[in-house]
Amino acid sequence: MNIGIIGAGAFGSCLASKFVKLGHTVSIANSRGPATLQQVAENTRAKAVTVEEAARNKKVIVVTLPQKSIIDLPKNIFKDLPEDVVVIDTGNYYPTLRDGIIPALIQSGIDSLWVQEQLGVHVVKVFNSIVVESLEALGQPKGAQNRIALAVSGDDTAAKEVVFTLVNDVGFDPFDVGTIAQSWKQQPGSTIYCRDINLEELKKRVHAMGTAWTDIHNVIIGKRNSDEVLMKTDYPAYLESLRDERLFL
């Protein structure tokens, strides 16, 4: 497939490298232009391009940006996008750590629902709920014992099918947690966020969260807020707190 990646940080670069190794044609872009991406292109073997080029004539477009940068994307970048193009959002909202206060997002509390509204196209949320080190190193063949599972949310059934294949190909079990309005189940503060757990355990935790955002909103947002404090003061301790809940490392 022809894949464009908007965002060339550690996560975008990791995905680019993995997709190239799977035989996909991959373009990668950042806000500063392709001239600043020569090392990334060399490391990943993806083609460095402009943001506009990363969104043009692609089957899959991965948006892997800080939440605050979504509003800085070129206007109408996805205008007239063919309906069969899959747009993936890997982002997470961290208001005090990185992104600042985004009033509309504070009000809704659902990260990728807001992103979908900003971009004006359906998005599939995936690859947000795993740390880059695990994405890089812990993929396993399908059927492997205790293979890590990743949550997938979105409104477009056909797009999610494409994403399920990509997730499986890079070494993880995909699990459909519902529509983009249900994507809160996999965002910061949830019980499956950045936990390296298998499919059975992920299903159990998703089921335990229920379906009503209003019932669990304060719990998830509160956990995200407390995690942000720990991340700012002692990031290794934050990572260790996640590791304590990883069942298979």
C-alpha atoms as a PDB file:
ATOM      1  CA  MET A   1       0.000   0.000   0.000  1.00  0.00           C
ATOM      2  CA  ASN A   2       0.960   3.620  -0.429  1.00  0.00           C
ATOM      3  CA  ILE A   3       1.178   5.066   3.096  1.00  0.00           C
ATOM      4  CA  GLY A   4       1.759   8.655   4.186  1.00  0.00           C
ATOM      5  CA  ILE A   5       2.883   9.525   7.713  1.00  0.00           C
ATOM      6  CA  ILE A   6       2.456  13.049   9.076  1.00  0.00           C
ATOM      7  CA  GLY A   7       4.733  13.351  12.078  1.00  0.00           C
ATOM      8  CA  ALA A   8       8.346  12.209  12.145  1.00  0.00           C
ATOM      9  CA  GLY A   9       9.031  11.821  15.846  1.00  0.00           C
ATOM     10  CA  ALA A  10       9.949   8.530  17.468  1.00  0.00           C
ATOM     11  CA  PHE A  11       6.510   7.060  16.886  1.00  0.00           C
ATOM     12  CA  GLY A  12       6.109   8.149  13.275  1.00  0.00           C
ATOM     13  CA  SER A  13       9.626   6.977  12.473  1.00  0.00           C
ATOM     14  CA  CYS A  14       9.007   3.603  14.118  1.00  0.00           C
ATOM     15  CA  LEU A  15       5.832   3.044  12.119  1.00  0.00           C
ATOM     16  CA  ALA A  16       7.547   4.171   8.914  1.00  0.00           C
ATOM     17  CA  SER A  17      10.337   1.661   9.396  1.00  0.00           C
ATOM     18  CA  LYS A  18       7.946  -1.182  10.146  1.00  0.00           C
ATOM     19  CA  PHE A  19       5.695  -0.435   7.177  1.00  0.00           C
ATOM     20  CA  VAL A  20       8.665  -0.231   4.805  1.00  0.00           C
ATOM     21  CA  LYS A  21       9.904  -3.611   6.032  1.00  0.00           C
ATOM     22  CA  LEU A  22       6.456  -5.022   5.272  1.00  0.00           C
ATOM     23  CA  GLY A  23       6.832  -3.909   1.657  1.00  0.00           C
ATOM     24  CA  HIS A  24       4.671  -0.775   1.722  1.00  0.00           C
ATOM     25  CA  THR A  25       5.616   2.436  -0.045  1.00  0.00           C
ATOM     26  CA  VAL A  26       5.973   5.004   2.725  1.00  0.00           C
ATOM     27  CA  SER A  27       6.288   8.794   2.705  1.00  0.00           C
ATOM     28  CA  ILE A  28       6.985  10.760   5.889  1.00  0.00           C
ATOM     29  CA  ALA A  29       6.554  14.468   6.628  1.00  0.00           C
ATOM     30  CA  ASN A  30       6.952  17.000   9.392  1.00  0.00           C
ATOM     31  CA  SER A  31       6.142  20.685   9.815  1.00  0.00           C
ATOM     32  CA  ARG A  32       9.676  21.816   8.924  1.00  0.00           C
ATOM     33  CA  GLY A  33       9.912  20.251   5.491  1.00  0.00           C
ATOM     34  CA  PRO A  34      11.663  17.288   3.866  1.00  0.00           C
ATOM     35  CA  ALA A  35      15.127  18.859   4.035  1.00  0.00           C
ATOM     36  CA  THR A  36      15.068  18.278   7.811  1.00  0.00           C
ATOM     37  CA  LEU A  37      14.182  14.591   7.441  1.00  0.00           C
ATOM     38  CA  GLN A  38      17.172  13.197   5.608  1.00  0.00           C
ATOM     39  CA  GLN A  39      18.392  11.197   8.601  1.00  0.00           C
ATOM     40  CA  VAL A  40      14.885   9.876   9.250  1.00  0.00           C
ATOM     41  CA  ALA A  41      14.565   8.899   5.596  1.00  0.00           C
ATOM     42  CA  GLU A  42      17.921   7.126   5.714  1.00  0.00           C
ATOM     43  CA  ASN A  43      17.056   5.276   8.923  1.00  0.00           C
ATOM     44  CA  THR A  44      13.569   4.208   7.891  1.00  0.00           C
ATOM     45  CA  ARG A  45      13.951   4.053   4.101  1.00  0.00           C
ATOM     46  CA  ALA A  46      10.773   6.112   3.815  1.00  0.00           C
ATOM     47  CA  LYS A  47      10.648   9.050   1.409  1.00  0.00           C
ATOM     48  CA  ALA A  48      10.847  12.508   3.002  1.00  0.00           C
ATOM     49  CA  VAL A  49       8.064  14.722   1.630  1.00  0.00           C
ATOM     50  CA  THR A  50       5.943  17.752   2.461  1.00  0.00           C
ATOM     51  CA  VAL A  51       2.832  17.399   4.601  1.00  0.00           C
ATOM     52  CA  GLU A  52       0.681  17.974   1.535  1.00  0.00           C
ATOM     53  CA  GLU A  53       2.494  15.219  -0.355  1.00  0.00           C
ATOM     54  CA  ALA A  54       2.086  12.825   2.571  1.00  0.00           C
ATOM     55  CA  ALA A  55      -1.688  13.221   2.245  1.00  0.00           C
ATOM     56  CA  ARG A  56      -1.843  12.930  -1.556  1.00  0.00           C
ATOM     57  CA  ASN A  57      -2.600   9.715  -3.465  1.00  0.00           C
ATOM     58  CA  LYS A  58      -2.332   7.490  -0.395  1.00  0.00           C
ATOM     59  CA  LYS A  59      -4.322   4.478   0.734  1.00  0.00           C
ATOM     60  CA  VAL A  60      -3.476   5.106   4.394  1.00  0.00           C
ATOM     61  CA  ILE A  61      -2.523   8.386   6.075  1.00  0.00           C
ATOM     62  CA  VAL A  62      -1.151   8.229   9.621  1.00  0.00           C
ATOM     63  CA  VAL A  63      -1.425  11.420  11.670  1.00  0.00           C
ATOM     64  CA  THR A  64       0.978  11.048  14.581  1.00  0.00           C
ATOM     65  CA  LEU A  65       1.213  14.512  16.120  1.00  0.00           C
ATOM     66  CA  PRO A  66       0.833  16.139  19.513  1.00  0.00           C
ATOM     67  CA  GLN A  67      -2.783  17.153  19.978  1.00  0.00           C
ATOM     68  CA  LYS A  68      -1.861  20.843  19.955  1.00  0.00           C
ATOM     69  CA  SER A  69      -0.366  20.482  16.457  1.00  0.00           C
ATOM     70  CA  ILE A  70      -3.560  19.193  14.840  1.00  0.00           C
ATOM     71  CA  ILE A  71      -4.879  22.725  14.425  1.00  0.00           C
ATOM     72  CA  ASP A  72      -1.626  23.752  12.703  1.00  0.00           C
ATOM     73  CA  LEU A  73      -2.059  21.336   9.813  1.00  0.00           C
ATOM     74  CA  PRO A  74      -2.641  23.036   6.442  1.00  0.00           C
ATOM     75  CA  LYS A  75      -6.275  23.985   6.038  1.00  0.00           C
ATOM     76  CA  ASN A  76      -8.339  21.638   3.889  1.00  0.00           C
ATOM     77  CA  ILE A  77      -5.479  19.135   3.685  1.00  0.00           C
ATOM     78  CA  PHE A  78      -8.053  16.350   3.619  1.00  0.00           C
ATOM     79  CA  LYS A  79     -10.596  18.169   1.465  1.00  0.00           C
ATOM     80  CA  ASP A  80     -11.801  15.986  -1.407  1.00  0.00           C
ATOM     81  CA  LEU A  81     -10.030  12.949   0.035  1.00  0.00           C
ATOM     82  CA  PRO A  82     -11.387   9.774  -1.620  1.00  0.00           C
ATOM     83  CA  GLU A  83     -13.772   7.907   0.649  1.00  0.00           C
ATOM     84  CA  ASP A  84     -11.660   4.752   0.689  1.00  0.00           C
ATOM     85  CA  VAL A  85      -8.584   6.476   2.138  1.00  0.00           C
ATOM     86  CA  VAL A  86      -7.913   5.390   5.718  1.00  0.00           C
ATOM     87  CA  VAL A  87      -6.842   8.141   8.150  1.00  0.00           C
ATOM     88  CA  ILE A  88      -5.237   6.908  11.363  1.00  0.00           C
ATOM     89  CA  ASP A  89      -4.900   9.046  14.489  1.00  0.00           C
ATOM     90  CA  THR A  90      -2.286   7.925  17.023  1.00  0.00           C
ATOM     91  CA  GLY A  91      -2.533  10.985  19.254  1.00  0.00           C
ATOM     92  CA  ASN A  92      -3.191  11.515  22.951  1.00  0.00           C
ATOM     93  CA  TYR A  93      -4.119  14.694  24.790  1.00  0.00           C
ATOM     94  CA  TYR A  94      -1.833  15.838  27.607  1.00  0.00           C
ATOM     95  CA  PRO A  95      -3.015  19.339  28.575  1.00  0.00           C
ATOM     96  CA  THR A  96      -0.528  20.164  31.334  1.00  0.00           C
ATOM     97  CA  LEU A  97       2.432  18.146  30.104  1.00  0.00           C
ATOM     98  CA  ARG A  98       2.539  19.195  26.454  1.00  0.00           C
ATOM     99  CA  ASP A  99      -0.573  20.390  24.647  1.00  0.00           C
ATOM    100  CA  GLY A 100      -2.020  23.199  26.726  1.00  0.00           C
ATOM    101  CA  ILE A 101      -5.710  23.757  27.316  1.00  0.00           C
ATOM    102  CA  ILE A 102      -7.929  23.098  24.293  1.00  0.00           C
ATOM    103  CA  PRO A 103     -11.392  24.193  25.515  1.00  0.00           C
ATOM    104  CA  ALA A 104     -13.440  22.036  23.140  1.00  0.00           C
ATOM    105  CA  LEU A 105     -11.395  18.980  24.006  1.00  0.00           C
ATOM    106  CA  ILE A 106     -11.585  19.667  27.732  1.00  0.00           C
ATOM    107  CA  GLN A 107     -15.359  19.810  27.326  1.00  0.00           C
ATOM    108  CA  SER A 108     -15.746  16.543  25.382  1.00  0.00           C
ATOM    109  CA  GLY A 109     -12.860  14.676  26.961  1.00  0.00           C
ATOM    110  CA  ILE A 110     -12.585  12.319  23.976  1.00  0.00           C
ATOM    111  CA  ASP A 111      -9.275  12.879  22.218  1.00  0.00           C
ATOM    112  CA  SER A 112      -9.843  11.373  18.777  1.00  0.00           C
ATOM    113  CA  LEU A 113     -13.450  12.514  18.487  1.00  0.00           C
ATOM    114  CA  TRP A 114     -12.062  16.060  18.615  1.00  0.00           C
ATOM    115  CA  VAL A 115      -9.349  15.184  16.080  1.00  0.00           C
ATOM    116  CA  GLN A 116     -11.961  13.766  13.725  1.00  0.00           C
ATOM    117  CA  GLU A 117     -13.953  16.971  13.966  1.00  0.00           C
ATOM    118  CA  GLN A 118     -10.849  19.090  13.263  1.00  0.00           C
ATOM    119  CA  LEU A 119      -9.747  17.067  10.240  1.00  0.00           C
ATOM    120  CA  GLY A 120     -13.221  16.775   8.751  1.00  0.00           C
ATOM    121  CA  VAL A 121     -12.799  13.082   7.875  1.00  0.00           C
ATOM    122  CA  HIS A 122     -13.383   9.798   9.649  1.00  0.00           C
ATOM    123  CA  VAL A 123     -10.348   8.677  11.622  1.00  0.00           C
ATOM    124  CA  VAL A 124      -9.397   5.347  13.118  1.00  0.00           C
ATOM    125  CA  LYS A 125      -7.677   5.570  16.501  1.00  0.00           C
ATOM    126  CA  VAL A 126      -4.900   3.018  16.894  1.00  0.00           C
ATOM    127  CA  PHE A 127      -1.237   2.740  17.939  1.00  0.00           C
ATOM    128  CA  ASN A 128      -1.878   5.385  20.613  1.00  0.00           C
ATOM    129  CA  SER A 129      -2.055   2.949  23.513  1.00  0.00           C
ATOM    130  CA  ILE A 130       1.421   1.430  23.336  1.00  0.00           C
ATOM    131  CA  VAL A 131       4.796   2.914  24.205  1.00  0.00           C
ATOM    132  CA  VAL A 132       7.189   3.220  21.295  1.00  0.00           C
ATOM    133  CA  GLU A 133       9.673   0.789  22.875  1.00  0.00           C
ATOM    134  CA  SER A 134       7.012  -1.923  22.931  1.00  0.00           C
ATOM    135  CA  LEU A 135       5.888  -1.121  19.394  1.00  0.00           C
ATOM    136  CA  GLU A 136       9.488  -1.399  18.250  1.00  0.00           C
ATOM    137  CA  ALA A 137      10.478  -4.593  20.001  1.00  0.00           C
ATOM    138  CA  LEU A 138       7.518  -6.681  21.170  1.00  0.00           C
ATOM    139  CA  GLY A 139       5.597  -7.585  18.018  1.00  0.00           C
ATOM    140  CA  GLN A 140       5.077 -11.332  17.540  1.00  0.00           C
ATOM    141  CA  PRO A 141       3.692 -13.607  14.818  1.00  0.00           C
ATOM    142  CA  LYS A 142      -0.052 -14.230  14.774  1.00  0.00           C
ATOM    143  CA  GLY A 143      -0.972 -17.017  17.175  1.00  0.00           C
ATOM    144  CA  ALA A 144       2.004 -16.459  19.471  1.00  0.00           C
ATOM    145  CA  GLN A 145       1.281 -17.027  23.139  1.00  0.00           C
ATOM    146  CA  ASN A 146       0.472 -13.805  25.009  1.00  0.00           C
ATOM    147  CA  ARG A 147       0.757 -11.668  21.904  1.00  0.00           C
ATOM    148  CA  ILE A 148       0.100  -8.039  22.851  1.00  0.00           C
ATOM    149  CA  ALA A 149      -3.281  -6.647  21.785  1.00  0.00           C
ATOM    150  CA  LEU A 150      -4.003  -3.111  20.550  1.00  0.00           C
ATOM    151  CA  ALA A 151      -7.319  -1.285  20.719  1.00  0.00           C
ATOM    152  CA  VAL A 152      -8.902   0.096  17.540  1.00  0.00           C
ATOM    153  CA  SER A 153     -11.766   2.618  17.409  1.00  0.00           C
ATOM    154  CA  GLY A 154     -13.555   4.213  14.484  1.00  0.00           C
ATOM    155  CA  ASP A 155     -16.823   4.797  12.669  1.00  0.00           C
ATOM    156  CA  ASP A 156     -15.824   3.396   9.256  1.00  0.00           C
ATOM    157  CA  THR A 157     -16.020  -0.399   9.180  1.00  0.00           C
ATOM    158  CA  ALA A 158     -14.023  -0.776   5.964  1.00  0.00           C
ATOM    159  CA  ALA A 159     -11.280   1.511   7.260  1.00  0.00           C
ATOM    160  CA  LYS A 160     -11.032  -0.520  10.455  1.00  0.00           C
ATOM    161  CA  GLU A 161     -10.584  -3.697   8.429  1.00  0.00           C
ATOM    162  CA  VAL A 162      -7.535  -2.144   6.763  1.00  0.00           C
ATOM    163  CA  VAL A 163      -6.209  -1.129  10.164  1.00  0.00           C
ATOM    164  CA  PHE A 164      -6.772  -4.612  11.613  1.00  0.00           C
ATOM    165  CA  THR A 165      -4.531  -5.990   8.877  1.00  0.00           C
ATOM    166  CA  LEU A 166      -1.806  -3.423   9.532  1.00  0.00           C
ATOM    167  CA  VAL A 167      -1.870  -4.071  13.282  1.00  0.00           C
ATOM    168  CA  ASN A 168      -1.646  -7.809  12.731  1.00  0.00           C
ATOM    169  CA  ASP A 169       1.167  -7.423  10.205  1.00  0.00           C
ATOM    170  CA  VAL A 170       3.338  -5.401  12.600  1.00  0.00           C
ATOM    171  CA  GLY A 171       2.929  -8.086  15.243  1.00  0.00           C
ATOM    172  CA  PHE A 172      -0.068  -7.333  17.456  1.00  0.00           C
ATOM    173  CA  ASP A 173      -3.653  -8.539  17.909  1.00  0.00           C
ATOM    174  CA  PRO A 174      -6.225  -5.876  16.957  1.00  0.00           C
ATOM    175  CA  PHE A 175      -9.396  -5.491  18.997  1.00  0.00           C
ATOM    176  CA  ASP A 176     -12.351  -3.341  17.953  1.00  0.00           C
ATOM    177  CA  VAL A 177     -13.510  -1.349  20.979  1.00  0.00           C
ATOM    178  CA  GLY A 178     -16.234   0.507  19.045  1.00  0.00           C
ATOM    179  CA  THR A 179     -16.912   3.845  17.407  1.00  0.00           C
ATOM    180  CA  ILE A 180     -14.704   6.913  17.654  1.00  0.00           C
ATOM    181  CA  ALA A 181     -17.036   8.136  20.401  1.00  0.00           C
ATOM    182  CA  GLN A 182     -15.958   5.053  22.371  1.00  0.00           C
ATOM    183  CA  SER A 183     -12.243   5.732  21.838  1.00  0.00           C
ATOM    184  CA  TRP A 184     -11.974   7.083  25.395  1.00  0.00           C
ATOM    185  CA  LYS A 185     -11.498   3.455  26.378  1.00  0.00           C
ATOM    186  CA  GLN A 186      -7.963   3.520  24.982  1.00  0.00           C
ATOM    187  CA  GLN A 187      -6.802   7.046  25.794  1.00  0.00           C
ATOM    188  CA  PRO A 188      -4.559   8.185  28.697  1.00  0.00           C
ATOM    189  CA  GLY A 189      -5.981   7.258  32.073  1.00  0.00           C
ATOM    190  CA  SER A 190      -7.767   4.121  30.894  1.00  0.00           C
ATOM    191  CA  THR A 191      -6.890   0.663  32.168  1.00  0.00           C
ATOM    192  CA  ILE A 192      -5.576  -0.475  28.768  1.00  0.00           C
ATOM    193  CA  TYR A 193      -3.450   2.581  27.997  1.00  0.00           C
ATOM    194  CA  CYS A 194       0.193   1.578  27.461  1.00  0.00           C
ATOM    195  CA  ARG A 195      -0.238  -1.783  29.143  1.00  0.00           C
ATOM    196  CA  ASP A 196       1.355  -4.691  27.290  1.00  0.00           C
ATOM    197  CA  ILE A 197      -1.509  -7.144  27.744  1.00  0.00           C
ATOM    198  CA  ASN A 198      -2.900  -9.928  25.609  1.00  0.00           C
ATOM    199  CA  LEU A 199      -6.217 -10.033  23.793  1.00  0.00           C
ATOM    200  CA  GLU A 200      -8.117 -11.835  26.523  1.00  0.00           C
ATOM    201  CA  GLU A 201      -7.008  -9.366  29.183  1.00  0.00           C
ATOM    202  CA  LEU A 202      -7.678  -6.362  26.946  1.00  0.00           C
ATOM    203  CA  LYS A 203     -11.212  -7.572  26.259  1.00  0.00           C
ATOM    204  CA  LYS A 204     -11.787  -8.064  29.987  1.00  0.00           C
ATOM    205  CA  ARG A 205     -10.624  -4.545  30.818  1.00  0.00           C
ATOM    206  CA  VAL A 206     -12.615  -2.936  27.996  1.00  0.00           C
ATOM    207  CA  HIS A 207     -15.754  -4.730  29.128  1.00  0.00           C
ATOM    208  CA  ALA A 208     -15.189  -3.613  32.719  1.00  0.00           C
ATOM    209  CA  MET A 209     -15.148   0.047  31.619  1.00  0.00           C
ATOM    210  CA  GLY A 210     -18.743  -0.201  30.382  1.00  0.00           C
ATOM    211  CA  THR A 211     -20.131   1.948  27.581  1.00  0.00           C
ATOM    212  CA  ALA A 212     -21.154   5.224  29.256  1.00  0.00           C
ATOM    213  CA  TRP A 213     -18.440   7.898  29.116  1.00  0.00           C
ATOM    214  CA  THR A 214     -20.298   9.978  31.695  1.00  0.00           C
ATOM    215  CA  ASP A 215     -20.022   7.149  34.231  1.00  0.00           C
ATOM    216  CA  ILE A 216     -16.245   6.842  34.049  1.00  0.00           C
ATOM    217  CA  HIS A 217     -15.137  10.244  32.732  1.00  0.00           C
ATOM    218  CA  ASN A 218     -13.907  11.514  36.094  1.00  0.00           C
ATOM    219  CA  VAL A 219     -11.948   8.329  36.770  1.00  0.00           C
ATOM    220  CA  ILE A 220     -10.083   8.309  33.444  1.00  0.00           C
ATOM    221  CA  ILE A 221      -9.418  12.045  33.318  1.00  0.00           C
ATOM    222  CA  GLY A 222      -8.354  12.005  36.945  1.00  0.00           C
ATOM    223  CA  LYS A 223      -5.897   9.180  36.297  1.00  0.00           C
ATOM    224  CA  ARG A 224      -4.508  11.002  33.265  1.00  0.00           C
ATOM    225  CA  ASN A 225      -4.018  14.144  35.326  1.00  0.00           C
ATOM    226  CA  SER A 226      -2.192  12.307  38.112  1.00  0.00           C
ATOM    227  CA  ASP A 227      -0.064  10.484  35.549  1.00  0.00           C
ATOM    228  CA  GLU A 228       0.909  13.825  34.004  1.00  0.00           C
ATOM    229  CA  VAL A 229       2.206  15.000  37.371  1.00  0.00           C
ATOM    230  CA  LEU A 230       4.331  11.867  37.724  1.00  0.00           C
ATOM    231  CA  MET A 231       5.542  12.091  34.123  1.00  0.00           C
ATOM    232  CA  LYS A 232       6.754  15.661  34.722  1.00  0.00           C
ATOM    233  CA  THR A 233       8.509  14.907  37.993  1.00  0.00           C
ATOM    234  CA  ASP A 234       9.809  11.364  37.471  1.00  0.00           C
ATOM    235  CA  TYR A 235       9.235   9.866  34.030  1.00  0.00           C
ATOM    236  CA  PRO A 236      11.121   6.611  34.782  1.00  0.00           C
ATOM    237  CA  ALA A 237       8.811   6.094  37.753  1.00  0.00           C
ATOM    238  CA  TYR A 238       5.811   6.594  35.473  1.00  0.00           C
ATOM    239  CA  LEU A 239       7.132   3.950  33.073  1.00  0.00           C
ATOM    240  CA  GLU A 240       7.732   1.632  35.998  1.00  0.00           C
ATOM    241  CA  SER A 241       4.135   2.104  37.141  1.00  0.00           C
ATOM    242  CA  LEU A 242       2.990   0.881  33.728  1.00  0.00           C
ATOM    243  CA  ARG A 243       5.409  -2.022  33.820  1.00  0.00           C
ATOM    244  CA  ASP A 244       3.892  -3.194  37.068  1.00  0.00           C
ATOM    245  CA  GLU A 245       0.648  -3.779  35.187  1.00  0.00           C
ATOM    246  CA  ARG A 246       2.213  -5.432  32.152  1.00  0.00           C
ATOM    247  CA  LEU A 247       1.393  -9.077  32.464  1.00  0.00           C
ATOM    248  CA  PHE A 248       3.803 -10.639  30.037  1.00  0.00           C
ATOM    249  CA  LEU A 249       7.203  -8.887  30.278  1.00  0.00           C
END
